[in-house]
Amino acid sequence: MESRWRLYLEDGDTLSLLPGVPRAYLEDGKAIEIEGVKTYFGPIRLSVRSELARGRIVARLECPSDHGPRRVRIRLAHPEARRPVAVKGGRYRADEEVVLVEPFAGRADVVLEF
């Protein structure tokens, strides 16, 4: 259950991804892959790649369910606690290091540029 809480949580109509993942998991060259995990909203596929040598972190999410979440929160914490200079695919909340994708339409591509 602890691993699940690090990777994903459901809260009402919101799916929170990577809420408890340590910063070190997003050091340059590292990746997080989640595939086929069953959530209250149906199965998800998440791919996160840290490309900090190129100045970015890239995430792709798919949740092709008819009863998917209304919003998705993806925590993408820079290993050195830096804030992005640009965000594509959602709205960045610096206080939580979270990208909010709302409304969520079953698929999202998020890029943080540093």
PDB file of N, CA and C in Angstrom:
ATOM      1  N   MET A   1       0.828  -1.189   0.000  1.00  0.00           N
ATOM      2  CA  MET A   1       0.000   0.000   0.000  1.00  0.00           C
ATOM      3  C   MET A   1       0.873   1.254   0.000  1.00  0.00           C
ATOM      4  N   GLU A   2       2.000   1.202   0.687  1.00  0.00           N
ATOM      5  CA  GLU A   2       2.885   2.361   0.729  1.00  0.00           C
ATOM      6  C   GLU A   2       3.407   2.711  -0.664  1.00  0.00           C
ATOM      7  N   SER A   3       3.738   1.707  -1.462  1.00  0.00           N
ATOM      8  CA  SER A   3       4.186   1.963  -2.842  1.00  0.00           C
ATOM      9  C   SER A   3       3.078   2.631  -3.647  1.00  0.00           C
ATOM     10  N   ARG A   4       1.858   2.158  -3.468  1.00  0.00           N
ATOM     11  CA  ARG A   4       0.718   2.751  -4.167  1.00  0.00           C
ATOM     12  C   ARG A   4       0.582   4.218  -3.798  1.00  0.00           C
ATOM     13  N   TRP A   5       0.701   4.547  -2.509  1.00  0.00           N
ATOM     14  CA  TRP A   5       0.560   5.937  -2.065  1.00  0.00           C
ATOM     15  C   TRP A   5       1.649   6.825  -2.646  1.00  0.00           C
ATOM     16  N   ARG A   6       2.814   6.285  -2.895  1.00  0.00           N
ATOM     17  CA  ARG A   6       3.889   7.074  -3.527  1.00  0.00           C
ATOM     18  C   ARG A   6       3.583   7.355  -4.999  1.00  0.00           C
ATOM     19  N   LEU A   7       2.898   6.410  -5.631  1.00  0.00           N
ATOM     20  CA  LEU A   7       2.694   6.498  -7.077  1.00  0.00           C
ATOM     21  C   LEU A   7       1.368   7.124  -7.490  1.00  0.00           C
ATOM     22  N   TYR A   8       0.273   6.786  -6.807  1.00  0.00           N
ATOM     23  CA  TYR A   8      -1.020   7.351  -7.208  1.00  0.00           C
ATOM     24  C   TYR A   8      -2.035   7.272  -6.077  1.00  0.00           C
ATOM     25  N   LEU A   9      -2.903   8.275  -6.056  1.00  0.00           N
ATOM     26  CA  LEU A   9      -3.994   8.359  -5.091  1.00  0.00           C
ATOM     27  C   LEU A   9      -5.224   8.915  -5.794  1.00  0.00           C
ATOM     28  N   GLU A  10      -6.385   8.454  -5.399  1.00  0.00           N
ATOM     29  CA  GLU A  10      -7.631   9.004  -5.898  1.00  0.00           C
ATOM     30  C   GLU A  10      -8.268   9.832  -4.787  1.00  0.00           C
ATOM     31  N   ASP A  11      -8.828  10.984  -5.166  1.00  0.00           N
ATOM     32  CA  ASP A  11      -9.503  11.853  -4.205  1.00  0.00           C
ATOM     33  C   ASP A  11     -10.697  12.484  -4.910  1.00  0.00           C
ATOM     34  N   GLY A  12     -11.868  11.910  -4.682  1.00  0.00           N
ATOM     35  CA  GLY A  12     -13.055  12.405  -5.374  1.00  0.00           C
ATOM     36  C   GLY A  12     -12.901  12.222  -6.874  1.00  0.00           C
ATOM     37  N   ASP A  13     -12.969  13.323  -7.626  1.00  0.00           N
ATOM     38  CA  ASP A  13     -12.843  13.246  -9.089  1.00  0.00           C
ATOM     39  C   ASP A  13     -11.429  13.581  -9.562  1.00  0.00           C
ATOM     40  N   THR A  14     -10.445  13.495  -8.641  1.00  0.00           N
ATOM     41  CA  THR A  14      -9.063  13.849  -8.957  1.00  0.00           C
ATOM     42  C   THR A  14      -8.142  12.641  -8.806  1.00  0.00           C
ATOM     43  N   LEU A  15      -7.262  12.453  -9.783  1.00  0.00           N
ATOM     44  CA  LEU A  15      -6.219  11.443  -9.718  1.00  0.00           C
ATOM     45  C   LEU A  15      -4.896  12.156  -9.467  1.00  0.00           C
ATOM     46  N   SER A  16      -4.249  11.848  -8.347  1.00  0.00           N
ATOM     47  CA  SER A  16      -2.949  12.440  -8.010  1.00  0.00           C
ATOM     48  C   SER A  16      -1.860  11.425  -8.314  1.00  0.00           C
ATOM     49  N   LEU A  17      -0.904  11.851  -9.123  1.00  0.00           N
ATOM     50  CA  LEU A  17       0.179  10.965  -9.537  1.00  0.00           C
ATOM     51  C   LEU A  17       1.507  11.398  -8.935  1.00  0.00           C
ATOM     52  N   LEU A  18       2.259  10.431  -8.470  1.00  0.00           N
ATOM     53  CA  LEU A  18       3.600  10.602  -7.902  1.00  0.00           C
ATOM     54  C   LEU A  18       3.634  11.511  -6.682  1.00  0.00           C
ATOM     55  N   PRO A  19       2.602  11.481  -5.827  1.00  0.00           N
ATOM     56  CA  PRO A  19       2.583  12.397  -4.689  1.00  0.00           C
ATOM     57  C   PRO A  19       3.690  12.152  -3.674  1.00  0.00           C
ATOM     58  N   GLY A  20       4.201  10.927  -3.593  1.00  0.00           N
ATOM     59  CA  GLY A  20       5.219  10.627  -2.596  1.00  0.00           C
ATOM     60  C   GLY A  20       6.543  10.182  -3.165  1.00  0.00           C
ATOM     61  N   VAL A  21       6.781  10.485  -4.437  1.00  0.00           N
ATOM     62  CA  VAL A  21       8.027  10.061  -5.072  1.00  0.00           C
ATOM     63  C   VAL A  21       9.163  10.998  -4.654  1.00  0.00           C
ATOM     64  N   PRO A  22      10.260  10.449  -4.166  1.00  0.00           N
ATOM     65  CA  PRO A  22      11.400  11.288  -3.778  1.00  0.00           C
ATOM     66  C   PRO A  22      12.002  12.032  -4.970  1.00  0.00           C
ATOM     67  N   ARG A  23      12.576  13.190  -4.707  1.00  0.00           N
ATOM     68  CA  ARG A  23      13.211  13.999  -5.747  1.00  0.00           C
ATOM     69  C   ARG A  23      14.270  13.209  -6.527  1.00  0.00           C
ATOM     70  N   ALA A  24      14.998  12.352  -5.829  1.00  0.00           N
ATOM     71  CA  ALA A  24      16.082  11.595  -6.463  1.00  0.00           C
ATOM     72  C   ALA A  24      15.586  10.720  -7.617  1.00  0.00           C
ATOM     73  N   TYR A  25      14.300  10.360  -7.602  1.00  0.00           N
ATOM     74  CA  TYR A  25      13.747   9.543  -8.681  1.00  0.00           C
ATOM     75  C   TYR A  25      13.685  10.302 -10.003  1.00  0.00           C
ATOM     76  N   LEU A  26      13.832  11.635  -9.955  1.00  0.00           N
ATOM     77  CA  LEU A  26      13.763  12.436 -11.175  1.00  0.00           C
ATOM     78  C   LEU A  26      15.103  13.091 -11.506  1.00  0.00           C
ATOM     79  N   GLU A  27      16.197  12.469 -11.056  1.00  0.00           N
ATOM     80  CA  GLU A  27      17.508  12.952 -11.472  1.00  0.00           C
ATOM     81  C   GLU A  27      17.671  12.682 -12.960  1.00  0.00           C
ATOM     82  N   ASP A  28      18.574  13.427 -13.594  1.00  0.00           N
ATOM     83  CA  ASP A  28      18.773  13.327 -15.043  1.00  0.00           C
ATOM     84  C   ASP A  28      18.971  11.873 -15.486  1.00  0.00           C
ATOM     85  N   GLY A  29      18.236  11.501 -16.526  1.00  0.00           N
ATOM     86  CA  GLY A  29      18.358  10.182 -17.116  1.00  0.00           C
ATOM     87  C   GLY A  29      17.451   9.127 -16.503  1.00  0.00           C
ATOM     88  N   LYS A  30      16.807   9.437 -15.393  1.00  0.00           N
ATOM     89  CA  LYS A  30      15.930   8.461 -14.758  1.00  0.00           C
ATOM     90  C   LYS A  30      14.523   8.531 -15.345  1.00  0.00           C
ATOM     91  N   ALA A  31      13.792   7.420 -15.182  1.00  0.00           N
ATOM     92  CA  ALA A  31      12.428   7.338 -15.712  1.00  0.00           C
ATOM     93  C   ALA A  31      11.541   6.607 -14.709  1.00  0.00           C
ATOM     94  N   ILE A  32      10.268   6.940 -14.754  1.00  0.00           N
ATOM     95  CA  ILE A  32       9.244   6.248 -13.973  1.00  0.00           C
ATOM     96  C   ILE A  32       8.205   5.760 -14.973  1.00  0.00           C
ATOM     97  N   GLU A  33       7.911   4.474 -14.936  1.00  0.00           N
ATOM     98  CA  GLU A  33       6.925   3.887 -15.842  1.00  0.00           C
ATOM     99  C   GLU A  33       5.870   3.146 -15.019  1.00  0.00           C
ATOM    100  N   ILE A  34       4.632   3.467 -15.260  1.00  0.00           N
ATOM    101  CA  ILE A  34       3.510   2.779 -14.626  1.00  0.00           C
ATOM    102  C   ILE A  34       2.590   2.337 -15.755  1.00  0.00           C
ATOM    103  N   GLU A  35       2.301   1.034 -15.817  1.00  0.00           N
ATOM    104  CA  GLU A  35       1.454   0.557 -16.903  1.00  0.00           C
ATOM    105  C   GLU A  35       0.448  -0.470 -16.390  1.00  0.00           C
ATOM    106  N   GLY A  36      -0.802  -0.255 -16.732  1.00  0.00           N
ATOM    107  CA  GLY A  36      -1.855  -1.206 -16.404  1.00  0.00           C
ATOM    108  C   GLY A  36      -2.309  -1.179 -14.961  1.00  0.00           C
ATOM    109  N   VAL A  37      -1.854  -0.209 -14.189  1.00  0.00           N
ATOM    110  CA  VAL A  37      -2.269  -0.109 -12.797  1.00  0.00           C
ATOM    111  C   VAL A  37      -3.758   0.204 -12.757  1.00  0.00           C
ATOM    112  N   LYS A  38      -4.476  -0.503 -11.921  1.00  0.00           N
ATOM    113  CA  LYS A  38      -5.927  -0.302 -11.797  1.00  0.00           C
ATOM    114  C   LYS A  38      -6.210   0.754 -10.735  1.00  0.00           C
ATOM    115  N   THR A  39      -6.896   1.808 -11.144  1.00  0.00           N
ATOM    116  CA  THR A  39      -7.322   2.860 -10.228  1.00  0.00           C
ATOM    117  C   THR A  39      -8.846   2.866 -10.196  1.00  0.00           C
ATOM    118  N   TYR A  40      -9.411   3.705  -9.337  1.00  0.00           N
ATOM    119  CA  TYR A  40     -10.867   3.852  -9.312  1.00  0.00           C
ATOM    120  C   TYR A  40     -11.390   4.374 -10.645  1.00  0.00           C
ATOM    121  N   PHE A  41     -10.519   5.012 -11.418  1.00  0.00           N
ATOM    122  CA  PHE A  41     -10.898   5.592 -12.704  1.00  0.00           C
ATOM    123  C   PHE A  41     -10.595   4.667 -13.876  1.00  0.00           C
ATOM    124  N   GLY A  42     -10.137   3.462 -13.594  1.00  0.00           N
ATOM    125  CA  GLY A  42      -9.746   2.523 -14.635  1.00  0.00           C
ATOM    126  C   GLY A  42      -8.230   2.434 -14.720  1.00  0.00           C
ATOM    127  N   PRO A  43      -7.731   1.616 -15.656  1.00  0.00           N
ATOM    128  CA  PRO A  43      -6.280   1.440 -15.776  1.00  0.00           C
ATOM    129  C   PRO A  43      -5.604   2.710 -16.302  1.00  0.00           C
ATOM    130  N   ILE A  44      -4.363   2.920 -15.850  1.00  0.00           N
ATOM    131  CA  ILE A  44      -3.594   4.076 -16.320  1.00  0.00           C
ATOM    132  C   ILE A  44      -2.248   3.625 -16.868  1.00  0.00           C
ATOM    133  N   ARG A  45      -1.709   4.475 -17.695  1.00  0.00           N
ATOM    134  CA  ARG A  45      -0.343   4.319 -18.183  1.00  0.00           C
ATOM    135  C   ARG A  45       0.332   5.678 -17.998  1.00  0.00           C
ATOM    136  N   LEU A  46       1.450   5.684 -17.275  1.00  0.00           N
ATOM    137  CA  LEU A  46       2.201   6.914 -17.022  1.00  0.00           C
ATOM    138  C   LEU A  46       3.664   6.679 -17.350  1.00  0.00           C
ATOM    139  N   SER A  47       4.235   7.602 -18.091  1.00  0.00           N
ATOM    140  CA  SER A  47       5.657   7.565 -18.416  1.00  0.00           C
ATOM    141  C   SER A  47       6.241   8.931 -18.092  1.00  0.00           C
ATOM    142  N   VAL A  48       7.269   8.953 -17.236  1.00  0.00           N
ATOM    143  CA  VAL A  48       7.954  10.200 -16.888  1.00  0.00           C
ATOM    144  C   VAL A  48       9.434  10.000 -17.174  1.00  0.00           C
ATOM    145  N   ARG A  49      10.020  10.939 -17.922  1.00  0.00           N
ATOM    146  CA  ARG A  49      11.449  10.888 -18.240  1.00  0.00           C
ATOM    147  C   ARG A  49      12.101  12.182 -17.792  1.00  0.00           C
ATOM    148  N   SER A  50      13.182  12.039 -17.048  1.00  0.00           N
ATOM    149  CA  SER A  50      13.954  13.204 -16.649  1.00  0.00           C
ATOM    150  C   SER A  50      15.048  13.426 -17.684  1.00  0.00           C
ATOM    151  N   GLU A  51      14.964  14.535 -18.365  1.00  0.00           N
ATOM    152  CA  GLU A  51      15.952  14.920 -19.379  1.00  0.00           C
ATOM    153  C   GLU A  51      16.571  16.243 -18.953  1.00  0.00           C
ATOM    154  N   LEU A  52      17.042  16.283 -17.721  1.00  0.00           N
ATOM    155  CA  LEU A  52      17.544  17.547 -17.171  1.00  0.00           C
ATOM    156  C   LEU A  52      18.794  18.045 -17.880  1.00  0.00           C
ATOM    157  N   ALA A  53      19.561  17.168 -18.494  1.00  0.00           N
ATOM    158  CA  ALA A  53      20.699  17.622 -19.297  1.00  0.00           C
ATOM    159  C   ALA A  53      20.210  18.473 -20.471  1.00  0.00           C
ATOM    160  N   ARG A  54      18.980  18.223 -20.897  1.00  0.00           N
ATOM    161  CA  ARG A  54      18.340  19.020 -21.963  1.00  0.00           C
ATOM    162  C   ARG A  54      17.406  20.071 -21.373  1.00  0.00           C
ATOM    163  N   GLY A  55      17.362  20.130 -20.033  1.00  0.00           N
ATOM    164  CA  GLY A  55      16.578  21.158 -19.362  1.00  0.00           C
ATOM    165  C   GLY A  55      15.099  20.883 -19.241  1.00  0.00           C
ATOM    166  N   ARG A  56      14.713  19.589 -19.139  1.00  0.00           N
ATOM    167  CA  ARG A  56      13.277  19.320 -19.057  1.00  0.00           C
ATOM    168  C   ARG A  56      12.949  18.001 -18.377  1.00  0.00           C
ATOM    169  N   ILE A  57      11.709  17.920 -17.933  1.00  0.00           N
ATOM    170  CA  ILE A  57      11.090  16.680 -17.465  1.00  0.00           C
ATOM    171  C   ILE A  57       9.822  16.508 -18.297  1.00  0.00           C
ATOM    172  N   VAL A  58       9.637  15.301 -18.845  1.00  0.00           N
ATOM    173  CA  VAL A  58       8.526  15.023 -19.759  1.00  0.00           C
ATOM    174  C   VAL A  58       7.656  13.912 -19.181  1.00  0.00           C
ATOM    175  N   ALA A  59       6.344  14.134 -19.180  1.00  0.00           N
ATOM    176  CA  ALA A  59       5.406  13.118 -18.679  1.00  0.00           C
ATOM    177  C   ALA A  59       4.291  12.902 -19.694  1.00  0.00           C
ATOM    178  N   ARG A  60       3.876  11.651 -19.822  1.00  0.00           N
ATOM    179  CA  ARG A  60       2.734  11.298 -20.678  1.00  0.00           C
ATOM    180  C   ARG A  60       1.816  10.382 -19.883  1.00  0.00           C
ATOM    181  N   LEU A  61       0.543  10.731 -19.870  1.00  0.00           N
ATOM    182  CA  LEU A  61      -0.451   9.957 -19.129  1.00  0.00           C
ATOM    183  C   LEU A  61      -1.587   9.565 -20.052  1.00  0.00           C
ATOM    184  N   GLU A  62      -2.031   8.316 -19.892  1.00  0.00           N
ATOM    185  CA  GLU A  62      -3.216   7.836 -20.592  1.00  0.00           C
ATOM    186  C   GLU A  62      -4.122   7.138 -19.584  1.00  0.00           C
ATOM    187  N   CYS A  63      -5.397   7.480 -19.639  1.00  0.00           N
ATOM    188  CA  CYS A  63      -6.425   6.836 -18.814  1.00  0.00           C
ATOM    189  C   CYS A  63      -7.683   6.773 -19.678  1.00  0.00           C
ATOM    190  N   PRO A  64      -7.780   5.736 -20.527  1.00  0.00           N
ATOM    191  CA  PRO A  64      -8.838   5.688 -21.541  1.00  0.00           C
ATOM    192  C   PRO A  64     -10.188   5.175 -21.051  1.00  0.00           C
ATOM    193  N   SER A  65     -10.545   5.488 -19.840  1.00  0.00           N
ATOM    194  CA  SER A  65     -11.779   4.988 -19.249  1.00  0.00           C
ATOM    195  C   SER A  65     -12.953   5.927 -19.519  1.00  0.00           C
ATOM    196  N   ASP A  66     -14.147   5.361 -19.565  1.00  0.00           N
ATOM    197  CA  ASP A  66     -15.362   6.173 -19.689  1.00  0.00           C
ATOM    198  C   ASP A  66     -15.674   6.937 -18.410  1.00  0.00           C
ATOM    199  N   HIS A  67     -15.091   6.499 -17.302  1.00  0.00           N
ATOM    200  CA  HIS A  67     -15.327   7.159 -16.015  1.00  0.00           C
ATOM    201  C   HIS A  67     -13.998   7.673 -15.424  1.00  0.00           C
ATOM    202  N   GLY A  68     -13.195   8.282 -16.293  1.00  0.00           N
ATOM    203  CA  GLY A  68     -11.895   8.799 -15.873  1.00  0.00           C
ATOM    204  C   GLY A  68     -12.022  10.004 -14.951  1.00  0.00           C
ATOM    205  N   PRO A  69     -10.896  10.447 -14.424  1.00  0.00           N
ATOM    206  CA  PRO A  69     -10.905  11.593 -13.511  1.00  0.00           C
ATOM    207  C   PRO A  69     -11.252  12.892 -14.236  1.00  0.00           C
ATOM    208  N   ARG A  70     -11.802  13.827 -13.495  1.00  0.00           N
ATOM    209  CA  ARG A  70     -12.080  15.159 -14.051  1.00  0.00           C
ATOM    210  C   ARG A  70     -10.801  15.983 -14.125  1.00  0.00           C
ATOM    211  N   ARG A  71      -9.918  15.752 -13.155  1.00  0.00           N
ATOM    212  CA  ARG A  71      -8.635  16.466 -13.143  1.00  0.00           C
ATOM    213  C   ARG A  71      -7.541  15.509 -12.705  1.00  0.00           C
ATOM    214  N   VAL A  72      -6.318  15.836 -13.124  1.00  0.00           N
ATOM    215  CA  VAL A  72      -5.134  15.062 -12.759  1.00  0.00           C
ATOM    216  C   VAL A  72      -4.102  16.015 -12.194  1.00  0.00           C
ATOM    217  N   ARG A  73      -3.473  15.575 -11.116  1.00  0.00           N
ATOM    218  CA  ARG A  73      -2.376  16.324 -10.493  1.00  0.00           C
ATOM    219  C   ARG A  73      -1.130  15.455 -10.601  1.00  0.00           C
ATOM    220  N   ILE A  74      -0.101  15.964 -11.273  1.00  0.00           N
ATOM    221  CA  ILE A  74       1.148  15.212 -11.412  1.00  0.00           C
ATOM    222  C   ILE A  74       2.243  15.980 -10.680  1.00  0.00           C
ATOM    223  N   ARG A  75       2.811  15.351  -9.662  1.00  0.00           N
ATOM    224  CA  ARG A  75       3.918  15.981  -8.920  1.00  0.00           C
ATOM    225  C   ARG A  75       5.217  15.630  -9.629  1.00  0.00           C
ATOM    226  N   LEU A  76       5.876  16.666 -10.137  1.00  0.00           N
ATOM    227  CA  LEU A  76       7.147  16.508 -10.841  1.00  0.00           C
ATOM    228  C   LEU A  76       8.177  17.400 -10.153  1.00  0.00           C
ATOM    229  N   ALA A  77       8.773  16.867  -9.099  1.00  0.00           N
ATOM    230  CA  ALA A  77       9.689  17.642  -8.257  1.00  0.00           C
ATOM    231  C   ALA A  77      11.118  17.577  -8.804  1.00  0.00           C
ATOM    232  N   HIS A  78      11.658  18.742  -9.148  1.00  0.00           N
ATOM    233  CA  HIS A  78      13.040  18.819  -9.620  1.00  0.00           C
ATOM    234  C   HIS A  78      13.969  18.351  -8.492  1.00  0.00           C
ATOM    235  N   PRO A  79      15.007  17.553  -8.805  1.00  0.00           N
ATOM    236  CA  PRO A  79      15.908  17.037  -7.768  1.00  0.00           C
ATOM    237  C   PRO A  79      16.591  18.122  -6.931  1.00  0.00           C
ATOM    238  N   GLU A  80      16.762  19.310  -7.499  1.00  0.00           N
ATOM    239  CA  GLU A  80      17.395  20.421  -6.780  1.00  0.00           C
ATOM    240  C   GLU A  80      16.385  21.495  -6.387  1.00  0.00           C
ATOM    241  N   ALA A  81      15.107  21.139  -6.413  1.00  0.00           N
ATOM    242  CA  ALA A  81      14.000  22.028  -6.029  1.00  0.00           C
ATOM    243  C   ALA A  81      13.918  23.288  -6.890  1.00  0.00           C
ATOM    244  N   ARG A  82      14.373  23.206  -8.135  1.00  0.00           N
ATOM    245  CA  ARG A  82      14.243  24.338  -9.051  1.00  0.00           C
ATOM    246  C   ARG A  82      12.822  24.415  -9.585  1.00  0.00           C
ATOM    247  N   ARG A  83      12.412  25.632  -9.907  1.00  0.00           N
ATOM    248  CA  ARG A  83      11.089  25.842 -10.506  1.00  0.00           C
ATOM    249  C   ARG A  83      11.223  25.933 -12.020  1.00  0.00           C
ATOM    250  N   PRO A  84      10.241  25.434 -12.733  1.00  0.00           N
ATOM    251  CA  PRO A  84      10.311  25.511 -14.190  1.00  0.00           C
ATOM    252  C   PRO A  84      10.135  26.946 -14.693  1.00  0.00           C
ATOM    253  N   VAL A  85      10.733  27.223 -15.837  1.00  0.00           N
ATOM    254  CA  VAL A  85      10.561  28.531 -16.480  1.00  0.00           C
ATOM    255  C   VAL A  85       9.408  28.483 -17.479  1.00  0.00           C
ATOM    256  N   ALA A  86       9.012  27.268 -17.885  1.00  0.00           N
ATOM    257  CA  ALA A  86       7.879  27.099 -18.796  1.00  0.00           C
ATOM    258  C   ALA A  86       7.228  25.749 -18.520  1.00  0.00           C
ATOM    259  N   VAL A  87       5.908  25.704 -18.701  1.00  0.00           N
ATOM    260  CA  VAL A  87       5.138  24.477 -18.496  1.00  0.00           C
ATOM    261  C   VAL A  87       4.183  24.317 -19.662  1.00  0.00           C
ATOM    262  N   LYS A  88       4.174  23.124 -20.255  1.00  0.00           N
ATOM    263  CA  LYS A  88       3.246  22.809 -21.338  1.00  0.00           C
ATOM    264  C   LYS A  88       2.347  21.661 -20.884  1.00  0.00           C
ATOM    265  N   GLY A  89       1.078  21.756 -21.191  1.00  0.00           N
ATOM    266  CA  GLY A  89       0.155  20.663 -20.921  1.00  0.00           C
ATOM    267  C   GLY A  89      -0.630  20.764 -19.637  1.00  0.00           C
ATOM    268  N   GLY A  90      -0.450  21.833 -18.892  1.00  0.00           N
ATOM    269  CA  GLY A  90      -1.184  21.991 -17.644  1.00  0.00           C
ATOM    270  C   GLY A  90      -0.770  23.271 -16.937  1.00  0.00           C
ATOM    271  N   ARG A  91      -1.328  23.465 -15.761  1.00  0.00           N
ATOM    272  CA  ARG A  91      -1.054  24.658 -14.953  1.00  0.00           C
ATOM    273  C   ARG A  91      -0.185  24.252 -13.778  1.00  0.00           C
ATOM    274  N   TYR A  92       0.936  24.953 -13.587  1.00  0.00           N
ATOM    275  CA  TYR A  92       1.899  24.607 -12.540  1.00  0.00           C
ATOM    276  C   TYR A  92       1.547  25.293 -11.232  1.00  0.00           C
ATOM    277  N   ARG A  93       1.576  24.527 -10.144  1.00  0.00           N
ATOM    278  CA  ARG A  93       1.363  25.054  -8.794  1.00  0.00           C
ATOM    279  C   ARG A  93       2.677  24.903  -8.041  1.00  0.00           C
ATOM    280  N   ALA A  94       3.421  25.992  -7.944  1.00  0.00           N
ATOM    281  CA  ALA A  94       4.769  25.964  -7.381  1.00  0.00           C
ATOM    282  C   ALA A  94       4.791  25.530  -5.928  1.00  0.00           C
ATOM    283  N   ASP A  95       3.764  25.891  -5.159  1.00  0.00           N
ATOM    284  CA  ASP A  95       3.750  25.550  -3.738  1.00  0.00           C
ATOM    285  C   ASP A  95       3.706  24.040  -3.496  1.00  0.00           C
ATOM    286  N   GLU A  96       3.223  23.281  -4.480  1.00  0.00           N
ATOM    287  CA  GLU A  96       3.122  21.826  -4.350  1.00  0.00           C
ATOM    288  C   GLU A  96       3.997  21.079  -5.358  1.00  0.00           C
ATOM    289  N   GLU A  97       4.637  21.805  -6.267  1.00  0.00           N
ATOM    290  CA  GLU A  97       5.428  21.219  -7.359  1.00  0.00           C
ATOM    291  C   GLU A  97       4.572  20.255  -8.184  1.00  0.00           C
ATOM    292  N   VAL A  98       3.368  20.713  -8.480  1.00  0.00           N
ATOM    293  CA  VAL A  98       2.362  19.895  -9.143  1.00  0.00           C
ATOM    294  C   VAL A  98       1.910  20.582 -10.428  1.00  0.00           C
ATOM    295  N   VAL A  99       1.691  19.766 -11.458  1.00  0.00           N
ATOM    296  CA  VAL A  99       1.042  20.243 -12.670  1.00  0.00           C
ATOM    297  C   VAL A  99      -0.403  19.759 -12.612  1.00  0.00           C
ATOM    298  N   LEU A 100      -1.327  20.694 -12.752  1.00  0.00           N
ATOM    299  CA  LEU A 100      -2.748  20.386 -12.726  1.00  0.00           C
ATOM    300  C   LEU A 100      -3.260  20.354 -14.163  1.00  0.00           C
ATOM    301  N   VAL A 101      -3.814  19.204 -14.549  1.00  0.00           N
ATOM    302  CA  VAL A 101      -4.401  19.042 -15.879  1.00  0.00           C
ATOM    303  C   VAL A 101      -5.903  18.994 -15.674  1.00  0.00           C
ATOM    304  N   GLU A 102      -6.563  20.083 -16.096  1.00  0.00           N
ATOM    305  CA  GLU A 102      -8.003  20.214 -15.862  1.00  0.00           C
ATOM    306  C   GLU A 102      -8.632  21.053 -16.965  1.00  0.00           C
ATOM    307  N   PRO A 103      -9.612  20.556 -17.650  1.00  0.00           N
ATOM    308  CA  PRO A 103     -10.190  19.223 -17.520  1.00  0.00           C
ATOM    309  C   PRO A 103      -9.275  18.176 -18.158  1.00  0.00           C
ATOM    310  N   PHE A 104      -9.358  16.967 -17.653  1.00  0.00           N
ATOM    311  CA  PHE A 104      -8.572  15.857 -18.180  1.00  0.00           C
ATOM    312  C   PHE A 104      -9.445  15.089 -19.160  1.00  0.00           C
ATOM    313  N   ALA A 105      -8.919  14.865 -20.362  1.00  0.00           N
ATOM    314  CA  ALA A 105      -9.710  14.237 -21.422  1.00  0.00           C
ATOM    315  C   ALA A 105      -9.219  12.844 -21.807  1.00  0.00           C
ATOM    316  N   GLY A 106      -8.579  12.144 -20.860  1.00  0.00           N
ATOM    317  CA  GLY A 106      -8.148  10.780 -21.143  1.00  0.00           C
ATOM    318  C   GLY A 106      -6.690  10.640 -21.496  1.00  0.00           C
ATOM    319  N   ARG A 107      -6.065  11.763 -21.871  1.00  0.00           N
ATOM    320  CA  ARG A 107      -4.646  11.745 -22.245  1.00  0.00           C
ATOM    321  C   ARG A 107      -4.045  13.099 -21.985  1.00  0.00           C
ATOM    322  N   ALA A 108      -2.791  13.118 -21.550  1.00  0.00           N
ATOM    323  CA  ALA A 108      -2.098  14.384 -21.301  1.00  0.00           C
ATOM    324  C   ALA A 108      -0.608  14.221 -21.549  1.00  0.00           C
ATOM    325  N   ASP A 109      -0.026  15.225 -22.161  1.00  0.00           N
ATOM    326  CA  ASP A 109       1.415  15.331 -22.341  1.00  0.00           C
ATOM    327  C   ASP A 109       1.847  16.583 -21.610  1.00  0.00           C
ATOM    328  N   VAL A 110       2.772  16.422 -20.672  1.00  0.00           N
ATOM    329  CA  VAL A 110       3.232  17.536 -19.833  1.00  0.00           C
ATOM    330  C   VAL A 110       4.740  17.665 -19.998  1.00  0.00           C
ATOM    331  N   VAL A 111       5.194  18.912 -20.163  1.00  0.00           N
ATOM    332  CA  VAL A 111       6.633  19.184 -20.255  1.00  0.00           C
ATOM    333  C   VAL A 111       6.951  20.352 -19.327  1.00  0.00           C
ATOM    334  N   LEU A 112       7.913  20.124 -18.436  1.00  0.00           N
ATOM    335  CA  LEU A 112       8.456  21.202 -17.610  1.00  0.00           C
ATOM    336  C   LEU A 112       9.820  21.550 -18.162  1.00  0.00           C
ATOM    337  N   GLU A 113      10.037  22.829 -18.421  1.00  0.00           N
ATOM    338  CA  GLU A 113      11.324  23.293 -18.922  1.00  0.00           C
ATOM    339  C   GLU A 113      12.022  24.108 -17.854  1.00  0.00           C
ATOM    340  N   PHE A 114      13.308  23.803 -17.636  1.00  0.00           N
ATOM    341  CA  PHE A 114      14.085  24.460 -16.598  1.00  0.00           C
ATOM    342  C   PHE A 114      15.221  25.275 -17.205  1.00  0.00           C
TER     343      PHE A 114
END
